Amino acid sequence: PRVVLNFKWGDPAAEILVYVDADFAGCTATRKSTSGG
């Protein structure tokens, strides 16, 4: 029921890192895919 997201002190990172993924044809009714990131 209760979760927290932690942001710890630290030096600023030099880059923003983006993870992406997709579930191909994951919807069995429409065969549309889902993008996540």
PDB file of all heavy atoms in Angstrom:
ATOM      1  N   PRO A   1       0.799  -1.227   0.000  1.00  0.00           N
ATOM      2  CA  PRO A   1       0.000   0.000   0.000  1.00  0.00           C
ATOM      3  C   PRO A   1       0.828   1.271   0.000  1.00  0.00           C
ATOM      4  O   PRO A   1       0.363   2.316  -0.430  1.00  0.00           O
ATOM      5  CB  PRO A   1      -0.804  -0.116   1.301  1.00  0.00           C
ATOM      6  CG  PRO A   1       0.068  -0.944   2.193  1.00  0.00           C
ATOM      7  CD  PRO A   1       0.741  -1.930   1.293  1.00  0.00           C
ATOM      8  N   ARG A   2       2.075   1.164   0.461  1.00  0.00           N
ATOM      9  CA  ARG A   2       2.876   2.379   0.607  1.00  0.00           C
ATOM     10  C   ARG A   2       4.278   2.153   0.048  1.00  0.00           C
ATOM     11  O   ARG A   2       5.003   1.252   0.492  1.00  0.00           O
ATOM     12  CB  ARG A   2       2.956   2.771   2.081  1.00  0.00           C
ATOM     13  CG  ARG A   2       3.627   4.103   2.314  1.00  0.00           C
ATOM     14  CD  ARG A   2       3.708   4.432   3.789  1.00  0.00           C
ATOM     15  NE  ARG A   2       4.543   5.619   3.989  1.00  0.00           N
ATOM     16  CZ  ARG A   2       5.156   5.914   5.118  1.00  0.00           C
ATOM     17  NH1 ARG A   2       5.040   5.128   6.175  1.00  0.00           N
ATOM     18  NH2 ARG A   2       5.898   7.007   5.197  1.00  0.00           N
ATOM     19  N   VAL A   3       4.650   2.939  -0.936  1.00  0.00           N
ATOM     20  CA  VAL A   3       5.999   2.893  -1.497  1.00  0.00           C
ATOM     21  C   VAL A   3       6.549   4.316  -1.546  1.00  0.00           C
ATOM     22  O   VAL A   3       5.789   5.287  -1.658  1.00  0.00           O
ATOM     23  CB  VAL A   3       6.035   2.265  -2.908  1.00  0.00           C
ATOM     24  CG1 VAL A   3       5.536   0.841  -2.886  1.00  0.00           C
ATOM     25  CG2 VAL A   3       5.220   3.098  -3.889  1.00  0.00           C
ATOM     26  N   VAL A   4       7.859   4.429  -1.444  1.00  0.00           N
ATOM     27  CA  VAL A   4       8.523   5.728  -1.535  1.00  0.00           C
ATOM     28  C   VAL A   4       9.623   5.651  -2.583  1.00  0.00           C
ATOM     29  O   VAL A   4      10.223   4.594  -2.800  1.00  0.00           O
ATOM     30  CB  VAL A   4       9.117   6.168  -0.172  1.00  0.00           C
ATOM     31  CG1 VAL A   4       8.018   6.381   0.850  1.00  0.00           C
ATOM     32  CG2 VAL A   4      10.123   5.133   0.342  1.00  0.00           C
ATOM     33  N   LEU A   5       9.871   6.763  -3.247  1.00  0.00           N
ATOM     34  CA  LEU A   5      10.930   6.860  -4.248  1.00  0.00           C
ATOM     35  C   LEU A   5      12.039   7.735  -3.672  1.00  0.00           C
ATOM     36  O   LEU A   5      11.779   8.848  -3.209  1.00  0.00           O
ATOM     37  CB  LEU A   5      10.390   7.469  -5.541  1.00  0.00           C
ATOM     38  CG  LEU A   5      11.371   7.629  -6.707  1.00  0.00           C
ATOM     39  CD1 LEU A   5      11.980   6.295  -7.091  1.00  0.00           C
ATOM     40  CD2 LEU A   5      10.656   8.256  -7.913  1.00  0.00           C
ATOM     41  N   ASN A   6      13.248   7.216  -3.678  1.00  0.00           N
ATOM     42  CA  ASN A   6      14.378   7.900  -3.056  1.00  0.00           C
ATOM     43  C   ASN A   6      15.197   8.680  -4.083  1.00  0.00           C
ATOM     44  O   ASN A   6      15.506   8.178  -5.162  1.00  0.00           O
ATOM     45  CB  ASN A   6      15.286   6.881  -2.359  1.00  0.00           C
ATOM     46  CG  ASN A   6      14.600   6.198  -1.199  1.00  0.00           C
ATOM     47  OD1 ASN A   6      13.831   6.823  -0.463  1.00  0.00           O
ATOM     48  ND2 ASN A   6      14.853   4.912  -1.014  1.00  0.00           N
ATOM     49  N   PHE A   7      15.537   9.900  -3.727  1.00  0.00           N
ATOM     50  CA  PHE A   7      16.455  10.735  -4.504  1.00  0.00           C
ATOM     51  C   PHE A   7      17.617  11.107  -3.571  1.00  0.00           C
ATOM     52  O   PHE A   7      17.457  11.959  -2.693  1.00  0.00           O
ATOM     53  CB  PHE A   7      15.755  11.995  -5.017  1.00  0.00           C
ATOM     54  CG  PHE A   7      14.636  11.718  -5.975  1.00  0.00           C
ATOM     55  CD1 PHE A   7      13.339  11.577  -5.523  1.00  0.00           C
ATOM     56  CD2 PHE A   7      14.889  11.583  -7.329  1.00  0.00           C
ATOM     57  CE1 PHE A   7      12.300  11.323  -6.403  1.00  0.00           C
ATOM     58  CE2 PHE A   7      13.856  11.325  -8.220  1.00  0.00           C
ATOM     59  CZ  PHE A   7      12.557  11.189  -7.751  1.00  0.00           C
ATOM     60  N   LYS A   8      18.760  10.468  -3.758  1.00  0.00           N
ATOM     61  CA  LYS A   8      19.881  10.654  -2.839  1.00  0.00           C
ATOM     62  C   LYS A   8      20.769  11.803  -3.283  1.00  0.00           C
ATOM     63  O   LYS A   8      20.942  12.063  -4.473  1.00  0.00           O
ATOM     64  CB  LYS A   8      20.694   9.355  -2.746  1.00  0.00           C
ATOM     65  CG  LYS A   8      19.884   8.180  -2.207  1.00  0.00           C
ATOM     66  CD  LYS A   8      20.712   6.900  -2.136  1.00  0.00           C
ATOM     67  CE  LYS A   8      19.873   5.750  -1.594  1.00  0.00           C
ATOM     68  NZ  LYS A   8      20.645   4.492  -1.525  1.00  0.00           N
ATOM     69  N   TRP A   9      21.355  12.502  -2.290  1.00  0.00           N
ATOM     70  CA  TRP A   9      22.293  13.567  -2.602  1.00  0.00           C
ATOM     71  C   TRP A   9      23.480  12.995  -3.380  1.00  0.00           C
ATOM     72  O   TRP A   9      23.895  11.856  -3.162  1.00  0.00           O
ATOM     73  CB  TRP A   9      22.822  14.235  -1.335  1.00  0.00           C
ATOM     74  CG  TRP A   9      21.799  14.773  -0.377  1.00  0.00           C
ATOM     75  CD1 TRP A   9      21.748  14.543   0.957  1.00  0.00           C
ATOM     76  CD2 TRP A   9      20.696  15.649  -0.660  1.00  0.00           C
ATOM     77  NE1 TRP A   9      20.690  15.207   1.518  1.00  0.00           N
ATOM     78  CE2 TRP A   9      20.030  15.902   0.552  1.00  0.00           C
ATOM     79  CE3 TRP A   9      20.218  16.248  -1.821  1.00  0.00           C
ATOM     80  CZ2 TRP A   9      18.910  16.718   0.644  1.00  0.00           C
ATOM     81  CZ3 TRP A   9      19.086  17.053  -1.731  1.00  0.00           C
ATOM     82  CH2 TRP A   9      18.457  17.292  -0.526  1.00  0.00           C
ATOM     83  N   GLY A  10      24.031  13.768  -4.267  1.00  0.00           N
ATOM     84  CA  GLY A  10      25.206  13.335  -5.022  1.00  0.00           C
ATOM     85  C   GLY A  10      25.581  14.371  -6.062  1.00  0.00           C
ATOM     86  O   GLY A  10      24.843  15.322  -6.322  1.00  0.00           O
ATOM     87  N   ASP A  11      26.725  14.184  -6.657  1.00  0.00           N
ATOM     88  CA  ASP A  11      27.161  15.083  -7.719  1.00  0.00           C
ATOM     89  C   ASP A  11      26.285  14.893  -8.959  1.00  0.00           C
ATOM     90  O   ASP A  11      25.886  13.764  -9.271  1.00  0.00           O
ATOM     91  CB  ASP A  11      28.623  14.816  -8.082  1.00  0.00           C
ATOM     92  CG  ASP A  11      29.565  15.121  -6.926  1.00  0.00           C
ATOM     93  OD1 ASP A  11      29.236  16.027  -6.133  1.00  0.00           O
ATOM     94  OD2 ASP A  11      30.606  14.439  -6.810  1.00  0.00           O
ATOM     95  N   PRO A  12      25.982  15.961  -9.694  1.00  0.00           N
ATOM     96  CA  PRO A  12      25.156  15.830 -10.900  1.00  0.00           C
ATOM     97  C   PRO A  12      25.810  14.904 -11.921  1.00  0.00           C
ATOM     98  O   PRO A  12      27.014  15.004 -12.186  1.00  0.00           O
ATOM     99  CB  PRO A  12      25.065  17.266 -11.425  1.00  0.00           C
ATOM    100  CG  PRO A  12      25.352  18.132 -10.247  1.00  0.00           C
ATOM    101  CD  PRO A  12      26.329  17.365  -9.410  1.00  0.00           C
ATOM    102  N   ALA A  13      25.029  13.986 -12.469  1.00  0.00           N
ATOM    103  CA  ALA A  13      25.543  13.075 -13.492  1.00  0.00           C
ATOM    104  C   ALA A  13      25.730  13.822 -14.808  1.00  0.00           C
ATOM    105  O   ALA A  13      25.035  14.810 -15.087  1.00  0.00           O
ATOM    106  CB  ALA A  13      24.589  11.901 -13.676  1.00  0.00           C
ATOM    107  N   ALA A  14      26.655  13.351 -15.619  1.00  0.00           N
ATOM    108  CA  ALA A  14      26.965  14.026 -16.888  1.00  0.00           C
ATOM    109  C   ALA A  14      25.962  13.706 -17.980  1.00  0.00           C
ATOM    110  O   ALA A  14      25.902  14.418 -18.984  1.00  0.00           O
ATOM    111  CB  ALA A  14      28.370  13.635 -17.347  1.00  0.00           C
ATOM    112  N   GLU A  15      25.174  12.628 -17.812  1.00  0.00           N
ATOM    113  CA  GLU A  15      24.241  12.256 -18.861  1.00  0.00           C
ATOM    114  C   GLU A  15      22.917  11.769 -18.276  1.00  0.00           C
ATOM    115  O   GLU A  15      22.851  11.309 -17.134  1.00  0.00           O
ATOM    116  CB  GLU A  15      24.831  11.157 -19.749  1.00  0.00           C
ATOM    117  CG  GLU A  15      25.038   9.822 -19.058  1.00  0.00           C
ATOM    118  CD  GLU A  15      25.589   8.760 -20.000  1.00  0.00           C
ATOM    119  OE1 GLU A  15      26.015   9.086 -21.114  1.00  0.00           O
ATOM    120  OE2 GLU A  15      25.580   7.572 -19.602  1.00  0.00           O
ATOM    121  N   ILE A  16      21.898  11.913 -19.074  1.00  0.00           N
ATOM    122  CA  ILE A  16      20.592  11.327 -18.771  1.00  0.00           C
ATOM    123  C   ILE A  16      20.515  10.004 -19.510  1.00  0.00           C
ATOM    124  O   ILE A  16      20.781   9.933 -20.716  1.00  0.00           O
ATOM    125  CB  ILE A  16      19.454  12.271 -19.203  1.00  0.00           C
ATOM    126  CG1 ILE A  16      19.328  13.422 -18.210  1.00  0.00           C
ATOM    127  CG2 ILE A  16      18.145  11.522 -19.313  1.00  0.00           C
ATOM    128  CD1 ILE A  16      18.246  14.419 -18.568  1.00  0.00           C
ATOM    129  N   LEU A  17      20.162   8.954 -18.791  1.00  0.00           N
ATOM    130  CA  LEU A  17      20.136   7.608 -19.347  1.00  0.00           C
ATOM    131  C   LEU A  17      18.683   7.154 -19.480  1.00  0.00           C
ATOM    132  O   LEU A  17      17.926   7.188 -18.509  1.00  0.00           O
ATOM    133  CB  LEU A  17      20.909   6.651 -18.441  1.00  0.00           C
ATOM    134  CG  LEU A  17      21.148   5.224 -18.932  1.00  0.00           C
ATOM    135  CD1 LEU A  17      21.866   5.240 -20.275  1.00  0.00           C
ATOM    136  CD2 LEU A  17      21.950   4.447 -17.910  1.00  0.00           C
ATOM    137  N   VAL A  18      18.315   6.753 -20.685  1.00  0.00           N
ATOM    138  CA  VAL A  18      16.931   6.363 -20.970  1.00  0.00           C
ATOM    139  C   VAL A  18      16.895   4.899 -21.376  1.00  0.00           C
ATOM    140  O   VAL A  18      17.534   4.505 -22.358  1.00  0.00           O
ATOM    141  CB  VAL A  18      16.324   7.230 -22.091  1.00  0.00           C
ATOM    142  CG1 VAL A  18      14.854   6.879 -22.294  1.00  0.00           C
ATOM    143  CG2 VAL A  18      16.481   8.706 -21.777  1.00  0.00           C
ATOM    144  N   TYR A  19      16.164   4.096 -20.617  1.00  0.00           N
ATOM    145  CA  TYR A  19      15.950   2.683 -20.953  1.00  0.00           C
ATOM    146  C   TYR A  19      14.603   2.560 -21.658  1.00  0.00           C
ATOM    147  O   TYR A  19      13.600   3.116 -21.211  1.00  0.00           O
ATOM    148  CB  TYR A  19      15.942   1.821 -19.697  1.00  0.00           C
ATOM    149  CG  TYR A  19      17.264   1.750 -18.974  1.00  0.00           C
ATOM    150  CD1 TYR A  19      17.575   2.660 -17.975  1.00  0.00           C
ATOM    151  CD2 TYR A  19      18.202   0.769 -19.287  1.00  0.00           C
ATOM    152  CE1 TYR A  19      18.786   2.603 -17.306  1.00  0.00           C
ATOM    153  CE2 TYR A  19      19.414   0.706 -18.623  1.00  0.00           C
ATOM    154  CZ  TYR A  19      19.701   1.621 -17.641  1.00  0.00           C
ATOM    155  OH  TYR A  19      20.898   1.561 -16.979  1.00  0.00           O
ATOM    156  N   VAL A  20      14.578   1.822 -22.768  1.00  0.00           N
ATOM    157  CA  VAL A  20      13.329   1.632 -23.506  1.00  0.00           C
ATOM    158  C   VAL A  20      13.135   0.153 -23.815  1.00  0.00           C
ATOM    159  O   VAL A  20      14.102  -0.620 -23.918  1.00  0.00           O
ATOM    160  CB  VAL A  20      13.310   2.445 -24.826  1.00  0.00           C
ATOM    161  CG1 VAL A  20      13.316   3.932 -24.532  1.00  0.00           C
ATOM    162  CG2 VAL A  20      14.475   2.073 -25.734  1.00  0.00           C
ATOM    163  N   ASP A  21      11.878  -0.227 -23.964  1.00  0.00           N
ATOM    164  CA  ASP A  21      11.548  -1.612 -24.286  1.00  0.00           C
ATOM    165  C   ASP A  21      10.172  -1.631 -24.924  1.00  0.00           C
ATOM    166  O   ASP A  21       9.413  -0.645 -24.843  1.00  0.00           O
ATOM    167  CB  ASP A  21      11.567  -2.481 -23.025  1.00  0.00           C
ATOM    168  CG  ASP A  21      11.582  -3.970 -23.346  1.00  0.00           C
ATOM    169  OD1 ASP A  21      11.899  -4.323 -24.499  1.00  0.00           O
ATOM    170  OD2 ASP A  21      11.262  -4.781 -22.454  1.00  0.00           O
ATOM    171  N   ALA A  22       9.831  -2.739 -25.568  1.00  0.00           N
ATOM    172  CA  ALA A  22       8.508  -2.895 -26.175  1.00  0.00           C
ATOM    173  C   ALA A  22       8.082  -4.346 -26.051  1.00  0.00           C
ATOM    174  O   ALA A  22       8.906  -5.266 -26.074  1.00  0.00           O
ATOM    175  CB  ALA A  22       8.523  -2.470 -27.643  1.00  0.00           C
ATOM    176  N   ASP A  23       6.783  -4.539 -25.910  1.00  0.00           N
ATOM    177  CA  ASP A  23       6.191  -5.875 -25.915  1.00  0.00           C
ATOM    178  C   ASP A  23       5.458  -6.041 -27.238  1.00  0.00           C
ATOM    179  O   ASP A  23       4.370  -5.494 -27.422  1.00  0.00           O
ATOM    180  CB  ASP A  23       5.231  -6.021 -24.726  1.00  0.00           C
ATOM    181  CG  ASP A  23       4.613  -7.405 -24.661  1.00  0.00           C
ATOM    182  OD1 ASP A  23       5.283  -8.363 -25.078  1.00  0.00           O
ATOM    183  OD2 ASP A  23       3.459  -7.533 -24.203  1.00  0.00           O
ATOM    184  N   PHE A  24       6.063  -6.766 -28.162  1.00  0.00           N
ATOM    185  CA  PHE A  24       5.530  -6.895 -29.517  1.00  0.00           C
ATOM    186  C   PHE A  24       4.184  -7.638 -29.520  1.00  0.00           C
ATOM    187  O   PHE A  24       4.084  -8.749 -29.012  1.00  0.00           O
ATOM    188  CB  PHE A  24       6.533  -7.627 -30.402  1.00  0.00           C
ATOM    189  CG  PHE A  24       5.997  -8.008 -31.754  1.00  0.00           C
ATOM    190  CD1 PHE A  24       5.414  -7.055 -32.571  1.00  0.00           C
ATOM    191  CD2 PHE A  24       6.086  -9.311 -32.216  1.00  0.00           C
ATOM    192  CE1 PHE A  24       4.922  -7.393 -33.821  1.00  0.00           C
ATOM    193  CE2 PHE A  24       5.608  -9.659 -33.461  1.00  0.00           C
ATOM    194  CZ  PHE A  24       5.022  -8.699 -34.265  1.00  0.00           C
ATOM    195  N   ALA A  25       3.149  -6.990 -30.092  1.00  0.00           N
ATOM    196  CA  ALA A  25       1.817  -7.593 -30.255  1.00  0.00           C
ATOM    197  C   ALA A  25       1.288  -8.137 -28.935  1.00  0.00           C
ATOM    198  O   ALA A  25       0.625  -9.170 -28.894  1.00  0.00           O
ATOM    199  CB  ALA A  25       1.856  -8.691 -31.313  1.00  0.00           C
ATOM    200  N   GLY A  26       1.557  -7.414 -27.856  1.00  0.00           N
ATOM    201  CA  GLY A  26       1.174  -7.908 -26.537  1.00  0.00           C
ATOM    202  C   GLY A  26      -0.314  -7.938 -26.295  1.00  0.00           C
ATOM    203  O   GLY A  26      -0.801  -8.723 -25.488  1.00  0.00           O
ATOM    204  N   CYS A  27      -1.089  -7.091 -26.972  1.00  0.00           N
ATOM    205  CA  CYS A  27      -2.541  -7.095 -26.814  1.00  0.00           C
ATOM    206  C   CYS A  27      -3.125  -8.196 -27.688  1.00  0.00           C
ATOM    207  O   CYS A  27      -3.044  -8.127 -28.925  1.00  0.00           O
ATOM    208  CB  CYS A  27      -3.136  -5.742 -27.196  1.00  0.00           C
ATOM    209  SG  CYS A  27      -4.945  -5.697 -27.090  1.00  0.00           S
ATOM    210  N   THR A  28      -3.698  -9.214 -27.070  1.00  0.00           N
ATOM    211  CA  THR A  28      -4.214 -10.345 -27.845  1.00  0.00           C
ATOM    212  C   THR A  28      -5.470 -10.003 -28.619  1.00  0.00           C
ATOM    213  O   THR A  28      -5.841 -10.733 -29.543  1.00  0.00           O
ATOM    214  CB  THR A  28      -4.505 -11.526 -26.897  1.00  0.00           C
ATOM    215  OG1 THR A  28      -5.382 -11.083 -25.853  1.00  0.00           O
ATOM    216  CG2 THR A  28      -3.221 -12.049 -26.279  1.00  0.00           C
ATOM    217  N   ALA A  29      -6.147  -8.920 -28.261  1.00  0.00           N
ATOM    218  CA  ALA A  29      -7.364  -8.537 -28.967  1.00  0.00           C
ATOM    219  C   ALA A  29      -7.067  -7.702 -30.206  1.00  0.00           C
ATOM    220  O   ALA A  29      -7.673  -7.899 -31.260  1.00  0.00           O
ATOM    221  CB  ALA A  29      -8.299  -7.764 -28.032  1.00  0.00           C
ATOM    222  N   THR A  30      -6.123  -6.755 -30.111  1.00  0.00           N
ATOM    223  CA  THR A  30      -5.834  -5.848 -31.225  1.00  0.00           C
ATOM    224  C   THR A  30      -4.472  -6.088 -31.855  1.00  0.00           C
ATOM    225  O   THR A  30      -4.186  -5.552 -32.919  1.00  0.00           O
ATOM    226  CB  THR A  30      -5.878  -4.391 -30.749  1.00  0.00           C
ATOM    227  OG1 THR A  30      -4.809  -4.173 -29.799  1.00  0.00           O
ATOM    228  CG2 THR A  30      -7.208  -4.074 -30.075  1.00  0.00           C
ATOM    229  N   ARG A  31      -3.615  -6.847 -31.190  1.00  0.00           N
ATOM    230  CA  ARG A  31      -2.235  -7.094 -31.624  1.00  0.00           C
ATOM    231  C   ARG A  31      -1.396  -5.820 -31.637  1.00  0.00           C
ATOM    232  O   ARG A  31      -0.374  -5.755 -32.333  1.00  0.00           O
ATOM    233  CB  ARG A  31      -2.192  -7.766 -32.997  1.00  0.00           C
ATOM    234  CG  ARG A  31      -2.600  -9.218 -32.941  1.00  0.00           C
ATOM    235  CD  ARG A  31      -1.691  -9.987 -32.016  1.00  0.00           C
ATOM    236  NE  ARG A  31      -2.205 -11.325 -31.731  1.00  0.00           N
ATOM    237  CZ  ARG A  31      -1.997 -11.969 -30.615  1.00  0.00           C
ATOM    238  NH1 ARG A  31      -1.324 -11.392 -29.647  1.00  0.00           N
ATOM    239  NH2 ARG A  31      -2.471 -13.176 -30.424  1.00  0.00           N
ATOM    240  N   LYS A  32      -1.797  -4.820 -30.895  1.00  0.00           N
ATOM    241  CA  LYS A  32      -0.963  -3.644 -30.735  1.00  0.00           C
ATOM    242  C   LYS A  32       0.119  -3.914 -29.684  1.00  0.00           C
ATOM    243  O   LYS A  32      -0.061  -4.734 -28.785  1.00  0.00           O
ATOM    244  CB  LYS A  32      -1.797  -2.437 -30.332  1.00  0.00           C
ATOM    245  CG  LYS A  32      -2.679  -1.908 -31.461  1.00  0.00           C
ATOM    246  CD  LYS A  32      -3.399  -0.639 -31.057  1.00  0.00           C
ATOM    247  CE  LYS A  32      -4.208  -0.075 -32.224  1.00  0.00           C
ATOM    248  NZ  LYS A  32      -4.901   1.191 -31.855  1.00  0.00           N
ATOM    249  N   SER A  33       1.225  -3.206 -29.811  1.00  0.00           N
ATOM    250  CA  SER A  33       2.353  -3.379 -28.901  1.00  0.00           C
ATOM    251  C   SER A  33       2.336  -2.284 -27.849  1.00  0.00           C
ATOM    252  O   SER A  33       1.654  -1.270 -27.983  1.00  0.00           O
ATOM    253  CB  SER A  33       3.674  -3.332 -29.684  1.00  0.00           C
ATOM    254  OG  SER A  33       3.668  -4.255 -30.750  1.00  0.00           O
ATOM    255  N   THR A  34       3.110  -2.494 -26.800  1.00  0.00           N
ATOM    256  CA  THR A  34       3.237  -1.518 -25.719  1.00  0.00           C
ATOM    257  C   THR A  34       4.667  -1.034 -25.632  1.00  0.00           C
ATOM    258  O   THR A  34       5.607  -1.839 -25.653  1.00  0.00           O
ATOM    259  CB  THR A  34       2.830  -2.134 -24.369  1.00  0.00           C
ATOM    260  OG1 THR A  34       1.435  -2.446 -24.396  1.00  0.00           O
ATOM    261  CG2 THR A  34       3.089  -1.173 -23.211  1.00  0.00           C
ATOM    262  N   SER A  35       4.838   0.283 -25.560  1.00  0.00           N
ATOM    263  CA  SER A  35       6.156   0.885 -25.330  1.00  0.00           C
ATOM    264  C   SER A  35       6.306   1.234 -23.856  1.00  0.00           C
ATOM    265  O   SER A  35       5.370   1.743 -23.236  1.00  0.00           O
ATOM    266  CB  SER A  35       6.332   2.162 -26.167  1.00  0.00           C
ATOM    267  OG  SER A  35       6.297   1.880 -27.538  1.00  0.00           O
ATOM    268  N   GLY A  36       7.489   0.959 -23.319  1.00  0.00           N
ATOM    269  CA  GLY A  36       7.772   1.319 -21.931  1.00  0.00           C
ATOM    270  C   GLY A  36       9.121   1.996 -21.848  1.00  0.00           C
ATOM    271  O   GLY A  36       9.993   1.790 -22.705  1.00  0.00           O
ATOM    272  N   GLY A  37       9.299   2.807 -20.832  1.00  0.00           N
ATOM    273  CA  GLY A  37      10.579   3.486 -20.684  1.00  0.00           C
ATOM    274  C   GLY A  37      10.797   3.998 -19.279  1.00  0.00           C
ATOM    275  O   GLY A  37       9.863   4.119 -18.480  1.00  0.00           O
TER     276      GLY A  37
END
